[in-house]
Amino acid sequence: NQDLDSITFFAFSLIDGYISIVMDAETQKRFPSDLLLTSSTGELWRMVRIGGQPLGFDECGIVAQIAEPLAAADISAYYISTFNFDHALV
């Protein structure tokens, strides 16, 4: 039952030679300020935890239910699925 503003979050992905690191603001402060390429607009993403408990493997369509209204409103989203929880960054 942690407050979502205080959750430490760090995700690393390597796709086609490109590295993406997604982290909370407190974790970002641990890196030298000139090391990371961040959003040029300074926009901040907000993390939304999907569900109050881990989602079952038989539950389908959840990402679509989240992505479709955001896309219709022209809102960018980044969806991360882990073993325990799913998160949408908007």
Protein backbone atom coordinates (compact mmCIF):
# COMPACT_ATOMS: atom_id res chain seq x y z
CA ASN A 1 0.00 0.00 0.00
CA GLN A 2 2.76 2.42 -0.88
CA ASP A 3 1.96 5.92 -2.05
CA LEU A 4 2.59 5.99 -5.83
CA ASP A 5 4.60 9.22 -5.47
CA SER A 6 7.18 7.39 -3.34
CA ILE A 7 7.62 4.15 -5.28
CA THR A 8 11.16 3.60 -6.54
CA PHE A 9 10.89 2.63 -10.19
CA PHE A 10 13.62 1.59 -12.62
CA ALA A 11 13.19 -0.19 -15.97
CA PHE A 12 15.92 -0.92 -18.51
CA SER A 13 15.32 -2.08 -22.07
CA LEU A 14 17.58 -2.69 -25.04
CA ILE A 15 15.77 -2.86 -28.38
CA ASP A 16 17.50 -2.81 -31.77
CA GLY A 17 20.60 -1.27 -30.21
CA TYR A 18 18.73 1.53 -28.44
CA ILE A 19 18.76 1.72 -24.66
CA SER A 20 15.79 3.10 -22.76
CA ILE A 21 15.88 3.72 -19.03
CA VAL A 22 12.71 4.70 -17.21
CA MET A 23 13.04 5.77 -13.58
CA ASP A 24 11.45 7.88 -10.91
CA ALA A 25 12.73 11.41 -10.22
CA GLU A 26 14.58 10.43 -7.03
CA THR A 27 16.50 7.67 -8.82
CA GLN A 28 17.37 10.08 -11.64
CA LYS A 29 19.08 12.36 -9.09
CA ARG A 30 21.65 9.60 -8.48
CA PHE A 31 23.03 10.02 -12.02
CA PRO A 32 25.33 12.89 -13.05
CA SER A 33 23.19 15.66 -14.58
CA ASP A 34 24.98 15.56 -17.96
CA LEU A 35 24.88 11.75 -18.33
CA LEU A 36 21.26 11.11 -19.32
CA LEU A 37 19.42 12.39 -22.38
CA THR A 38 16.02 13.40 -21.05
CA SER A 39 12.94 14.91 -22.63
CA SER A 40 13.84 18.17 -24.34
CA THR A 41 10.47 19.61 -23.34
CA GLY A 42 10.92 18.74 -19.68
CA GLU A 43 7.59 16.89 -19.68
CA LEU A 44 7.03 14.57 -16.77
CA TRP A 45 5.33 11.20 -16.96
CA ARG A 46 2.97 10.02 -14.24
CA MET A 47 2.88 6.35 -13.34
CA VAL A 48 -0.45 4.61 -12.84
CA ARG A 49 -0.41 1.12 -11.33
CA ILE A 50 -2.96 -1.10 -13.03
CA GLY A 51 -4.94 -3.13 -10.51
CA GLY A 52 -4.39 -3.53 -6.80
CA GLN A 53 -2.86 -6.97 -7.17
CA PRO A 54 -1.01 -8.91 -9.87
CA LEU A 55 -3.08 -9.50 -13.01
CA GLY A 56 -3.79 -13.07 -14.08
CA PHE A 57 -2.36 -14.48 -17.29
CA ASP A 58 -5.92 -15.17 -18.44
CA GLU A 59 -6.91 -11.49 -18.26
CA CYS A 60 -6.71 -9.98 -21.74
CA GLY A 61 -7.52 -6.67 -23.38
CA ILE A 62 -6.37 -4.57 -20.43
CA VAL A 63 -3.68 -2.71 -22.37
CA ALA A 64 -6.14 -1.96 -25.17
CA GLN A 65 -8.70 -0.62 -22.69
CA ILE A 66 -6.05 1.79 -21.37
CA ALA A 67 -4.36 2.67 -24.67
CA GLU A 68 -7.42 3.34 -26.84
CA PRO A 69 -8.88 6.29 -24.88
CA LEU A 70 -5.41 7.78 -24.36
CA ALA A 71 -4.66 7.55 -28.09
CA ALA A 72 -8.05 9.08 -28.91
CA ALA A 73 -7.16 12.01 -26.65
CA ASP A 74 -3.67 12.28 -28.28
CA ILE A 75 -1.96 11.39 -24.98
CA SER A 76 1.30 9.49 -25.16
CA ALA A 77 1.56 6.37 -23.05
CA TYR A 78 4.24 3.85 -22.14
CA TYR A 79 3.07 0.53 -20.75
CA ILE A 80 5.30 -1.71 -18.63
CA SER A 81 4.24 -5.17 -17.58
CA THR A 82 6.11 -6.97 -14.81
CA PHE A 83 5.48 -10.28 -13.11
CA ASN A 84 3.78 -8.64 -10.12
CA PHE A 85 2.17 -5.50 -11.52
CA ASP A 86 1.43 -3.56 -14.70
CA HIS A 87 2.11 0.15 -14.98
CA ALA A 88 1.03 2.79 -17.46
CA LEU A 89 3.09 5.94 -17.73
CA VAL A 90 1.13 8.86 -19.16
